[in-house]
């Protein structure tokens, strides 16, 4: 990236030496000759840093934003490189500290968990867990009217844990399309009595599905688009190579100005820009992306996001869409009958400098279409078998970020995640981090039909879930994380 910066400075100096009447031609020629590494630097992490600094953002704030963008959690984990000596040293350390039996991992099951580390468990789970049965028999459940979702009571998750869970008999969770990135599995050792090798003193860990950032965001980044703005609208289609339609992402701004393919690459006064446009998907999954870079530039009012079927070529699998703001991703699945030339509304977002962003409507009648997530249908209530915190907050310990986990019945992660990650390890093992990174990749968790998998939410990221809770009464609650 240093080469990109030096190259950009060199080109800028050349630009200022060119006659003003020829500068447009100079830019077109250079953009072709240099390729995307320099011509698209604006869309890279270092480009975001340069823009923030040039627009007057305090240097400390700009650097923190840059560090957040390049954080390891936003990227696939690289394949570690290690030497024969490093491997032998790590092997000796594992043997000396008694961790040989701790390395092999598997999906955790209900039988592995004790009641001391569970916030809630349903009747079936209690019967199988170790420890004293402290729950009374539950009464038959009362079905909830779906209309009650419109009157959900908002409650913060800590208050929910303290005030609601102790009297809950049954919990059902509304699994939404957007929750696919929240899928989490609890991992345990193959040898139950093996020595704990993690910072928090027990031998349980967890893994989110994929271990990488959201797949649509990844594809947008790979296509040269920005996913670091304050507001993002992305669409994706042809995931199974069955949809060659030409879909176009559009945004109608409060001024009625329209951002779409005709002004691709143009930064508008509001800070909005279409930076990825796909005409022919070919054999690849196609994405398009509109992003807004700076709150200070945005106008108050409604931003309307829609998709134009510019060319219908027989594809009937529809498309997916995402709208992201304030760290929350809103997912939409658009299917059904699609016609050439049709404009398909996705959603409207209101922005005001005083109150920020608000999702005011989801216009598409198809946005609630169901998907399969780990064997469960979305937009449906599913029984919660167990509520618990992540293992790093068990037994009155508080090591690192807290994750709230809602394990779902019949939820099966068909991936084989890493058994552990370096950031979990005790300090004695960190010195061998390259070898352990390789071990984590090598010793994947075997597939299993009996596992504790559900949804996980980090206390570092704003989110929400809809729960139907049966206790003294039946209530619909919107739990805020």
Protein backbone atom coordinates (compact mmCIF):
# COMPACT_ATOMS: atom_id res chain seq x y z
CA UNK A 1 0.00 0.00 0.00
CA UNK A 2 3.00 2.31 0.49
CA UNK A 3 3.68 1.87 -3.23
CA UNK A 4 0.10 3.00 -3.95
CA UNK A 5 0.55 6.16 -1.88
CA UNK A 6 3.90 7.00 -3.47
CA UNK A 7 2.46 6.31 -6.90
CA UNK A 8 -0.54 8.55 -6.20
CA UNK A 9 1.73 11.40 -5.09
CA UNK A 10 3.82 11.01 -8.23
CA UNK A 11 0.71 11.08 -10.44
CA UNK A 12 -0.66 14.11 -8.59
CA UNK A 13 2.57 16.02 -9.22
CA UNK A 14 2.38 15.10 -12.92
CA UNK A 15 -1.27 16.17 -13.01
CA UNK A 16 -0.44 19.69 -11.81
CA UNK A 17 2.13 20.06 -14.59
CA UNK A 18 -0.43 19.28 -17.32
CA UNK A 19 -2.33 22.11 -19.03
CA UNK A 20 -5.81 22.52 -17.49
CA UNK A 21 -7.53 21.75 -20.80
CA UNK A 22 -5.79 18.37 -21.01
CA UNK A 23 -6.19 17.22 -17.41
CA UNK A 24 -9.34 15.15 -18.04
CA UNK A 25 -7.56 13.25 -20.80
CA UNK A 26 -4.57 12.77 -18.50
CA UNK A 27 -6.78 11.25 -15.79
CA UNK A 28 -8.46 8.83 -18.21
CA UNK A 29 -5.14 7.68 -19.63
CA UNK A 30 -3.47 7.23 -16.24
CA UNK A 31 -6.44 5.32 -14.80
CA UNK A 32 -6.10 2.75 -17.59
CA UNK A 33 -2.31 2.52 -17.38
CA UNK A 34 -2.04 2.21 -13.58
CA UNK A 35 -4.85 -0.27 -13.06
CA UNK A 36 -7.10 -0.58 -9.98
CA UNK A 37 -4.35 -0.61 -7.33
CA UNK A 38 -3.91 3.16 -7.63
CA UNK A 39 -7.01 4.26 -9.55
CA UNK A 40 -9.27 2.70 -6.89
CA UNK A 41 -7.19 3.64 -3.86
CA UNK A 42 -10.14 5.68 -2.61
CA UNK A 43 -12.04 2.44 -2.00
CA UNK A 44 -9.24 0.82 0.01
CA UNK A 45 -8.62 1.16 3.74
CA UNK A 46 -5.69 3.55 3.26
CA UNK A 47 -7.85 5.61 0.90
CA UNK A 48 -10.49 6.00 3.60
CA UNK A 49 -7.76 7.18 5.98
CA UNK A 50 -6.46 9.73 3.46
CA UNK A 51 -9.98 11.07 2.81
CA UNK A 52 -10.76 11.37 6.52
CA UNK A 53 -7.54 13.28 7.18
CA UNK A 54 -8.03 15.56 4.17
CA UNK A 55 -11.58 16.36 5.31
CA UNK A 56 -10.39 17.48 8.73
CA UNK A 57 -11.20 14.47 10.90
CA UNK A 58 -8.91 14.55 13.98
CA UNK A 59 -5.87 12.36 13.36
CA UNK A 60 -6.49 10.10 16.38
CA UNK A 61 -10.09 9.48 15.25
CA UNK A 62 -8.97 8.82 11.67
CA UNK A 63 -6.33 6.33 12.82
CA UNK A 64 -8.80 4.50 15.09
CA UNK A 65 -11.22 4.22 12.18
CA UNK A 66 -8.44 2.88 9.95
CA UNK A 67 -7.40 0.32 12.60
CA UNK A 68 -11.02 -0.83 12.88
CA UNK A 69 -11.19 -1.36 9.10
CA UNK A 70 -8.02 -3.46 8.96
CA UNK A 71 -8.79 -5.43 12.14
CA UNK A 72 -8.33 -9.19 11.69
CA UNK A 73 -12.04 -9.82 12.37
CA UNK A 74 -12.86 -8.22 9.01
CA UNK A 75 -10.83 -10.64 6.94
CA UNK A 76 -10.26 -14.32 6.39
CA UNK A 77 -7.58 -15.68 8.65
CA UNK A 78 -4.32 -16.11 6.72
CA UNK A 79 -2.62 -19.46 6.49
CA UNK A 80 0.18 -19.34 9.05
CA UNK A 81 3.80 -19.97 8.11
CA UNK A 82 6.07 -21.77 10.56
CA UNK A 83 9.40 -23.61 10.63
CA UNK A 84 10.24 -27.17 11.69
CA UNK A 85 11.89 -25.85 14.87
CA UNK A 86 8.81 -23.76 15.71
CA UNK A 87 6.66 -26.88 15.30
CA UNK A 88 8.90 -28.94 17.58
CA UNK A 89 9.05 -26.20 20.23
CA UNK A 90 5.25 -25.96 20.26
CA UNK A 91 4.94 -29.74 20.50
CA UNK A 92 7.32 -29.81 23.45
CA UNK A 93 5.38 -27.03 25.20
CA UNK A 94 2.05 -28.78 24.73
CA UNK A 95 3.46 -32.01 26.17
CA UNK A 96 5.23 -30.28 29.08
CA UNK A 97 2.10 -28.31 30.11
CA UNK A 98 -0.26 -31.27 29.73
CA UNK A 99 -2.37 -29.99 26.84
CA UNK A 100 -2.01 -33.00 24.51
CA UNK A 101 -5.57 -34.22 25.13
CA UNK A 102 -6.97 -30.67 25.00
CA UNK A 103 -6.29 -30.06 21.32
CA UNK A 104 -8.99 -32.20 19.75
CA UNK A 105 -12.34 -30.45 19.75
CA UNK A 106 -15.97 -31.18 18.90
CA UNK A 107 -19.37 -29.53 18.94
CA UNK A 108 -20.65 -29.21 22.49
CA UNK A 109 -23.93 -30.91 23.45
CA UNK A 110 -26.47 -30.34 26.19
CA UNK A 111 -24.92 -33.19 28.17
CA UNK A 112 -21.67 -31.19 28.48
CA UNK A 113 -23.23 -28.19 30.23
CA UNK A 114 -23.89 -27.70 33.93
CA UNK A 115 -26.80 -25.65 35.24
CA UNK A 116 -24.38 -23.24 36.94
CA UNK A 117 -23.45 -21.73 33.57
CA UNK A 118 -26.95 -21.56 32.04
CA UNK A 119 -29.25 -18.54 32.22
CA UNK A 120 -32.28 -20.46 30.91
CA UNK A 121 -33.02 -24.01 29.80
CA UNK A 122 -36.22 -25.55 28.51
CA UNK A 123 -37.76 -28.71 29.96
CA UNK A 124 -36.02 -31.16 27.61
CA UNK A 125 -32.61 -29.55 28.17
CA UNK A 126 -32.93 -29.58 31.96
CA UNK A 127 -33.58 -33.32 31.94
CA UNK A 128 -30.28 -33.92 30.14
CA UNK A 129 -28.00 -31.45 31.88
CA UNK A 130 -25.69 -32.30 34.75
CA UNK A 131 -26.51 -30.95 38.16
CA UNK A 132 -29.61 -30.44 40.26
CA UNK A 133 -32.95 -29.98 38.48
CA UNK A 134 -33.99 -26.58 39.80
CA UNK A 135 -36.86 -26.07 37.35
CA UNK A 136 -40.45 -26.93 38.03
CA UNK A 137 -42.63 -28.70 35.50
CA UNK A 138 -43.95 -26.33 32.88
CA UNK A 139 -47.54 -25.79 31.91
CA UNK A 140 -48.75 -26.25 28.37
CA UNK A 141 -47.82 -23.35 26.11
CA UNK A 142 -50.28 -20.82 24.77
CA UNK A 143 -49.91 -19.95 21.11
CA UNK A 144 -49.18 -16.30 20.47
CA UNK A 145 -51.06 -14.12 17.98
CA UNK A 146 -48.60 -13.00 15.26
CA UNK A 147 -50.06 -9.49 15.42
CA UNK A 148 -48.46 -9.08 18.84
CA UNK A 149 -45.10 -8.64 17.11
CA UNK A 150 -46.24 -5.11 16.30
CA UNK A 151 -46.55 -4.39 20.02
CA UNK A 152 -43.26 -5.89 21.17
CA UNK A 153 -41.98 -4.46 24.46
CA UNK A 154 -38.39 -3.20 24.16
CA UNK A 155 -36.00 -4.26 26.92
CA UNK A 156 -32.21 -4.19 27.28
CA UNK A 157 -30.65 -7.64 27.36
CA UNK A 158 -29.14 -7.26 30.85
CA UNK A 159 -32.54 -6.32 32.27
CA UNK A 160 -34.05 -9.21 30.30
CA UNK A 161 -31.59 -11.62 31.94
CA UNK A 162 -32.19 -10.20 35.41
CA UNK A 163 -35.96 -9.71 35.37
CA UNK A 164 -37.47 -11.97 32.69
CA UNK A 165 -35.41 -15.17 32.44
CA UNK A 166 -35.85 -16.25 36.09
CA UNK A 167 -39.62 -16.67 35.58
CA UNK A 168 -39.58 -17.83 31.93
CA UNK A 169 -40.98 -21.27 31.17
CA UNK A 170 -40.53 -21.27 27.44
CA UNK A 171 -38.81 -18.97 24.94
CA UNK A 172 -39.21 -18.82 21.19
CA UNK A 173 -37.02 -16.70 18.93
CA UNK A 174 -37.96 -15.08 15.63
CA UNK A 175 -35.19 -16.16 13.27
CA UNK A 176 -34.74 -13.42 10.65
CA UNK A 177 -32.87 -13.40 7.36
CA UNK A 178 -30.31 -10.99 8.80
CA UNK A 179 -29.36 -13.48 11.52
CA UNK A 180 -27.32 -15.73 9.21
CA UNK A 181 -24.16 -13.93 10.33
CA UNK A 182 -25.06 -14.47 14.01
CA UNK A 183 -24.96 -18.27 13.85
CA UNK A 184 -22.70 -19.49 16.65
CA UNK A 185 -21.72 -22.94 17.93
CA UNK A 186 -20.41 -23.93 21.33
CA UNK A 187 -17.24 -26.06 21.12
CA UNK A 188 -15.97 -28.53 23.73
CA UNK A 189 -12.97 -30.87 24.04
CA UNK A 190 -13.18 -34.44 22.80
CA UNK A 191 -11.59 -35.52 26.09
CA UNK A 192 -13.90 -34.04 28.73
CA UNK A 193 -11.35 -34.12 31.54
CA UNK A 194 -8.53 -32.57 29.53
CA UNK A 195 -6.68 -29.56 30.92
CA UNK A 196 -8.23 -26.19 29.99
CA UNK A 197 -5.95 -24.27 27.62
CA UNK A 198 -7.94 -21.04 27.36
CA UNK A 199 -7.63 -17.77 29.26
CA UNK A 200 -10.91 -18.23 31.11
CA UNK A 201 -10.16 -21.45 32.95
CA UNK A 202 -12.63 -23.83 31.29
CA UNK A 203 -12.23 -25.86 28.11
CA UNK A 204 -15.22 -24.50 26.19
CA UNK A 205 -14.97 -22.12 23.24
CA UNK A 206 -17.25 -20.88 20.47
CA UNK A 207 -17.14 -20.22 16.74
CA UNK A 208 -19.32 -18.05 14.54
CA UNK A 209 -20.31 -19.45 11.15
CA UNK A 210 -17.67 -18.76 8.52
CA UNK A 211 -15.19 -17.05 10.91
CA UNK A 212 -15.16 -14.14 8.44
CA UNK A 213 -17.16 -11.00 7.83
CA UNK A 214 -20.56 -11.12 6.16
CA UNK A 215 -20.29 -12.80 2.74
CA UNK A 216 -22.06 -10.03 0.81
CA UNK A 217 -19.75 -7.44 2.34
CA UNK A 218 -16.78 -9.62 1.43
CA UNK A 219 -17.91 -9.81 -2.20
CA UNK A 220 -18.46 -6.06 -2.32
CA UNK A 221 -14.93 -5.48 -1.01
CA UNK A 222 -13.48 -7.95 -3.50
CA UNK A 223 -15.27 -6.08 -6.30
CA UNK A 224 -13.62 -2.81 -5.22
CA UNK A 225 -16.58 -1.39 -3.32
CA UNK A 226 -16.51 0.38 0.04
CA UNK A 227 -18.20 -1.17 3.08
CA UNK A 228 -16.90 1.36 5.61
CA UNK A 229 -19.31 4.21 4.98
CA UNK A 230 -22.04 5.51 7.28
CA UNK A 231 -24.83 4.11 5.07
CA UNK A 232 -24.56 1.20 2.62
CA UNK A 233 -26.96 -0.40 0.13
CA UNK A 234 -25.74 -3.60 -1.54
CA UNK A 235 -27.47 -6.16 -3.74
CA UNK A 236 -26.36 -9.67 -4.71
CA UNK A 237 -27.63 -12.29 -7.16
CA UNK A 238 -26.62 -15.29 -9.31
CA UNK A 239 -25.25 -17.15 -6.27
CA UNK A 240 -26.07 -20.51 -7.88
CA UNK A 241 -25.16 -19.41 -11.43
CA UNK A 242 -28.83 -19.44 -12.43
CA UNK A 243 -29.61 -15.75 -12.83
CA UNK A 244 -28.07 -13.70 -15.64
CA UNK A 245 -30.48 -10.78 -15.17
CA UNK A 246 -29.04 -7.28 -15.12
CA UNK A 247 -30.15 -5.74 -11.83
CA UNK A 248 -29.28 -2.12 -11.03
CA UNK A 249 -29.09 -0.64 -7.54
CA UNK A 250 -30.73 2.79 -7.22
CA UNK A 251 -31.02 5.35 -4.45
CA UNK A 252 -33.41 8.31 -4.64
CA UNK A 253 -32.14 11.01 -2.29
CA UNK A 254 -34.25 13.59 -0.39
CA UNK A 255 -33.61 16.09 -3.20
CA UNK A 256 -35.00 13.46 -5.66
CA UNK A 257 -31.53 13.12 -7.17
CA UNK A 258 -30.96 9.51 -8.23
CA UNK A 259 -27.74 7.55 -7.76
CA UNK A 260 -27.47 4.70 -10.29
CA UNK A 261 -25.30 3.27 -13.06
CA UNK A 262 -25.27 6.43 -15.21
CA UNK A 263 -23.28 8.27 -12.54
CA UNK A 264 -21.16 5.34 -11.31
CA UNK A 265 -17.96 6.45 -9.60
CA UNK A 266 -19.19 10.03 -9.10
CA UNK A 267 -19.09 11.30 -5.53
CA UNK A 268 -22.24 13.34 -5.02
CA UNK A 269 -22.51 16.37 -2.72
CA UNK A 270 -24.25 14.13 -0.16
CA UNK A 271 -21.21 11.81 -0.08
CA UNK A 272 -23.14 9.06 -1.87
CA UNK A 273 -21.69 7.01 -4.72
CA UNK A 274 -22.35 3.85 -6.71
CA UNK A 275 -18.93 2.19 -6.76
CA UNK A 276 -19.75 -1.31 -8.05
CA UNK A 277 -21.92 -2.00 -11.09
CA UNK A 278 -22.30 -5.43 -12.73
CA UNK A 279 -23.89 -5.83 -16.17
CA UNK A 280 -23.16 -9.48 -16.98
CA UNK A 281 -22.82 -11.83 -13.98
CA UNK A 282 -21.28 -14.64 -16.04
CA UNK A 283 -20.16 -17.52 -13.82
CA UNK A 284 -19.78 -15.39 -10.68
CA UNK A 285 -22.01 -14.09 -7.93
CA UNK A 286 -22.86 -10.50 -8.86
CA UNK A 287 -22.97 -7.52 -6.49
CA UNK A 288 -23.67 -3.80 -6.75
CA UNK A 289 -23.00 -1.23 -4.06
CA UNK A 290 -24.04 2.30 -3.10
CA UNK A 291 -22.32 3.86 -0.11
CA UNK A 292 -22.39 7.16 1.77
CA UNK A 293 -19.05 8.20 3.20
CA UNK A 294 -19.69 11.11 5.56
CA UNK A 295 -22.57 12.06 7.85
CA UNK A 296 -21.65 15.74 7.63
CA UNK A 297 -22.43 15.74 3.90
CA UNK A 298 -25.78 13.96 4.09
CA UNK A 299 -29.04 15.89 3.85
CA UNK A 300 -31.95 15.34 6.20
CA UNK A 301 -34.80 13.41 4.67
CA UNK A 302 -35.77 10.05 3.17
CA UNK A 303 -33.36 7.88 1.17
CA UNK A 304 -35.30 5.42 -0.97
CA UNK A 305 -33.52 2.24 -2.09
CA UNK A 306 -34.80 0.20 -5.00
CA UNK A 307 -33.66 -2.18 -7.73
CA UNK A 308 -34.32 -1.79 -11.45
CA UNK A 309 -34.61 -4.93 -13.58
CA UNK A 310 -32.71 -3.32 -16.43
CA UNK A 311 -32.59 -6.52 -18.48
CA UNK A 312 -34.60 -9.67 -17.74
CA UNK A 313 -32.82 -12.76 -19.05
CA UNK A 314 -34.93 -15.52 -17.54
CA UNK A 315 -33.49 -15.62 -14.03
CA UNK A 316 -36.21 -16.29 -11.45
CA UNK A 317 -34.16 -16.66 -8.26
CA UNK A 318 -34.47 -12.95 -7.45
CA UNK A 319 -31.81 -11.14 -5.45
CA UNK A 320 -30.70 -10.35 -1.93
CA UNK A 321 -30.21 -6.85 -0.56
CA UNK A 322 -28.56 -5.31 2.48
CA UNK A 323 -28.89 -1.91 4.08
CA UNK A 324 -26.36 -1.14 6.79
CA UNK A 325 -26.14 1.80 9.19
CA UNK A 326 -25.09 2.25 12.82
CA UNK A 327 -23.34 -1.13 12.68
CA UNK A 328 -26.62 -2.99 12.04
CA UNK A 329 -27.25 -4.94 8.83
CA UNK A 330 -30.82 -5.22 7.53
CA UNK A 331 -31.25 -8.14 5.10
CA UNK A 332 -33.90 -8.52 2.41
CA UNK A 333 -34.68 -11.49 0.15
CA UNK A 334 -36.51 -10.47 -3.01
CA UNK A 335 -38.01 -13.32 -5.02
CA UNK A 336 -41.16 -14.16 -6.92
CA UNK A 337 -42.20 -12.96 -10.37
CA UNK A 338 -39.88 -10.35 -11.84
CA UNK A 339 -40.42 -8.50 -15.11
CA UNK A 340 -38.01 -6.62 -17.34
CA UNK A 341 -38.07 -2.87 -16.73
CA UNK A 342 -39.66 -3.27 -13.29
CA UNK A 343 -38.57 -1.07 -10.37
CA UNK A 344 -38.63 -3.09 -7.16
CA UNK A 345 -38.72 -1.06 -3.92
CA UNK A 346 -36.58 -2.48 -1.12
CA UNK A 347 -36.74 -0.02 1.79
CA UNK A 348 -36.68 3.61 2.88
CA UNK A 349 -34.32 5.10 5.46
CA UNK A 350 -34.81 8.46 7.11
CA UNK A 351 -31.77 10.49 8.16
CA UNK A 352 -31.60 13.57 10.34
CA UNK A 353 -28.54 15.23 11.78
CA UNK A 354 -30.33 15.33 15.15
CA UNK A 355 -31.56 11.74 15.50
CA UNK A 356 -29.49 9.79 12.96
CA UNK A 357 -30.84 6.91 10.84
CA UNK A 358 -34.24 5.24 11.08
CA UNK A 359 -35.60 2.40 8.97
CA UNK A 360 -39.07 3.77 8.21
CA UNK A 361 -40.37 1.11 5.81
CA UNK A 362 -39.63 -2.12 4.05
CA UNK A 363 -41.61 -1.67 0.86
CA UNK A 364 -41.04 -4.99 -0.82
CA UNK A 365 -43.75 -7.57 -0.24
CA UNK A 366 -41.06 -10.17 -0.88
CA UNK A 367 -38.65 -8.91 1.75
CA UNK A 368 -40.02 -11.40 4.26
CA UNK A 369 -39.50 -14.44 2.05
CA UNK A 370 -38.14 -17.35 4.03
CA UNK A 371 -34.63 -18.78 3.80
CA UNK A 372 -33.02 -21.83 5.32
CA UNK A 373 -30.44 -21.09 8.02
CA UNK A 374 -28.79 -24.15 9.56
CA UNK A 375 -31.85 -26.27 8.88
CA UNK A 376 -34.34 -23.74 10.23
CA UNK A 377 -36.70 -21.51 8.24
CA UNK A 378 -36.35 -17.78 8.73
CA UNK A 379 -39.24 -15.46 9.60
CA UNK A 380 -40.52 -18.21 11.90
CA UNK A 381 -40.54 -18.67 15.67
CA UNK A 382 -38.19 -21.42 16.90
CA UNK A 383 -37.88 -22.85 20.43
CA UNK A 384 -34.85 -21.75 22.44
CA UNK A 385 -33.31 -24.73 24.21
CA UNK A 386 -30.82 -22.74 26.25
CA UNK A 387 -29.67 -19.17 26.99
CA UNK A 388 -26.12 -18.64 28.21
CA UNK A 389 -23.18 -16.31 28.11
CA UNK A 390 -20.00 -17.13 26.21
CA UNK A 391 -17.59 -19.38 28.18
CA UNK A 392 -15.22 -16.48 28.90
CA UNK A 393 -17.93 -15.13 31.24
CA UNK A 394 -18.75 -18.35 33.10
CA UNK A 395 -18.09 -19.00 36.77
CA UNK A 396 -17.96 -15.30 37.65
CA UNK A 397 -15.07 -14.70 35.26
CA UNK A 398 -15.00 -11.75 32.85
CA UNK A 399 -12.31 -12.26 30.24
CA UNK A 400 -12.77 -10.20 27.08
CA UNK A 401 -15.98 -9.31 25.26
CA UNK A 402 -19.25 -10.87 26.40
CA UNK A 403 -21.43 -12.78 23.95
CA UNK A 404 -25.10 -13.57 24.58
CA UNK A 405 -26.09 -16.95 23.13
CA UNK A 406 -29.56 -18.32 22.34
CA UNK A 407 -29.25 -21.99 21.40
CA UNK A 408 -32.05 -23.19 19.11
CA UNK A 409 -33.61 -26.64 18.88
CA UNK A 410 -32.73 -28.56 15.71
CA UNK A 411 -30.28 -25.85 14.62
CA UNK A 412 -27.37 -27.64 12.94
CA UNK A 413 -24.24 -25.86 11.73
CA UNK A 414 -23.13 -27.87 8.70
CA UNK A 415 -19.73 -26.17 8.66
CA UNK A 416 -16.68 -27.62 10.39
CA UNK A 417 -15.28 -24.62 12.30
CA UNK A 418 -11.86 -24.27 13.86
CA UNK A 419 -11.52 -25.98 17.22
CA UNK A 420 -9.94 -22.85 18.72
CA UNK A 421 -8.34 -19.53 17.84
CA UNK A 422 -5.11 -17.98 19.04
CA UNK A 423 -6.85 -15.14 20.85
CA UNK A 424 -8.41 -17.72 23.19
CA UNK A 425 -5.13 -19.31 24.32
CA UNK A 426 -3.32 -19.00 27.63
CA UNK A 427 -0.17 -16.89 27.62
CA UNK A 428 2.07 -19.98 27.84
CA UNK A 429 0.87 -21.02 24.38
CA UNK A 430 0.80 -17.62 22.67
CA UNK A 431 4.55 -17.72 21.99
CA UNK A 432 3.79 -20.59 19.58
CA UNK A 433 0.96 -18.69 17.88
CA UNK A 434 1.91 -19.61 14.30
CA UNK A 435 1.87 -23.31 15.04
CA UNK A 436 -1.38 -23.05 17.00
CA UNK A 437 -3.01 -21.08 14.20
CA UNK A 438 -2.13 -23.97 11.91
CA UNK A 439 -3.40 -26.49 14.46
CA UNK A 440 -6.69 -24.62 14.76
CA UNK A 441 -7.12 -24.80 10.99
CA UNK A 442 -6.04 -28.43 10.82
CA UNK A 443 -8.11 -29.78 13.70
CA UNK A 444 -11.55 -28.80 12.49
CA UNK A 445 -14.60 -29.77 14.50
CA UNK A 446 -16.28 -32.85 13.03
CA UNK A 447 -19.82 -32.56 11.72
CA UNK A 448 -22.51 -33.56 14.19
CA UNK A 449 -26.30 -33.66 14.32
CA UNK A 450 -26.28 -33.18 18.10
CA UNK A 451 -24.80 -29.80 18.85
CA UNK A 452 -25.44 -26.55 20.66
CA UNK A 453 -25.87 -24.04 17.86
CA UNK A 454 -27.99 -20.91 17.73
CA UNK A 455 -27.59 -17.15 17.61
CA UNK A 456 -24.82 -15.15 19.27
CA UNK A 457 -24.64 -11.41 19.91
CA UNK A 458 -21.54 -9.53 21.05
CA UNK A 459 -21.88 -6.75 23.59
CA UNK A 460 -19.65 -4.64 21.34
CA UNK A 461 -22.22 -4.41 18.52
CA UNK A 462 -25.74 -3.02 18.62
CA UNK A 463 -28.42 -5.54 17.65
CA UNK A 464 -31.87 -6.80 18.58
CA UNK A 465 -33.99 -9.97 18.60
CA UNK A 466 -37.71 -10.69 18.87
CA UNK A 467 -38.63 -13.26 21.55
CA UNK A 468 -41.90 -14.82 22.60
CA UNK A 469 -41.61 -15.50 26.33
CA UNK A 470 -44.05 -17.67 28.28
CA UNK A 471 -44.04 -17.41 32.05
CA UNK A 472 -46.74 -15.96 34.23
CA UNK A 473 -48.03 -14.43 31.00
CA UNK A 474 -47.20 -14.72 27.31
CA UNK A 475 -45.28 -11.72 26.01
CA UNK A 476 -43.59 -10.57 22.81
CA UNK A 477 -40.34 -8.77 23.61
CA UNK A 478 -37.78 -6.94 21.53
CA UNK A 479 -34.49 -7.52 23.32
CA UNK A 480 -31.85 -4.85 22.64
CA UNK A 481 -28.16 -5.82 22.79
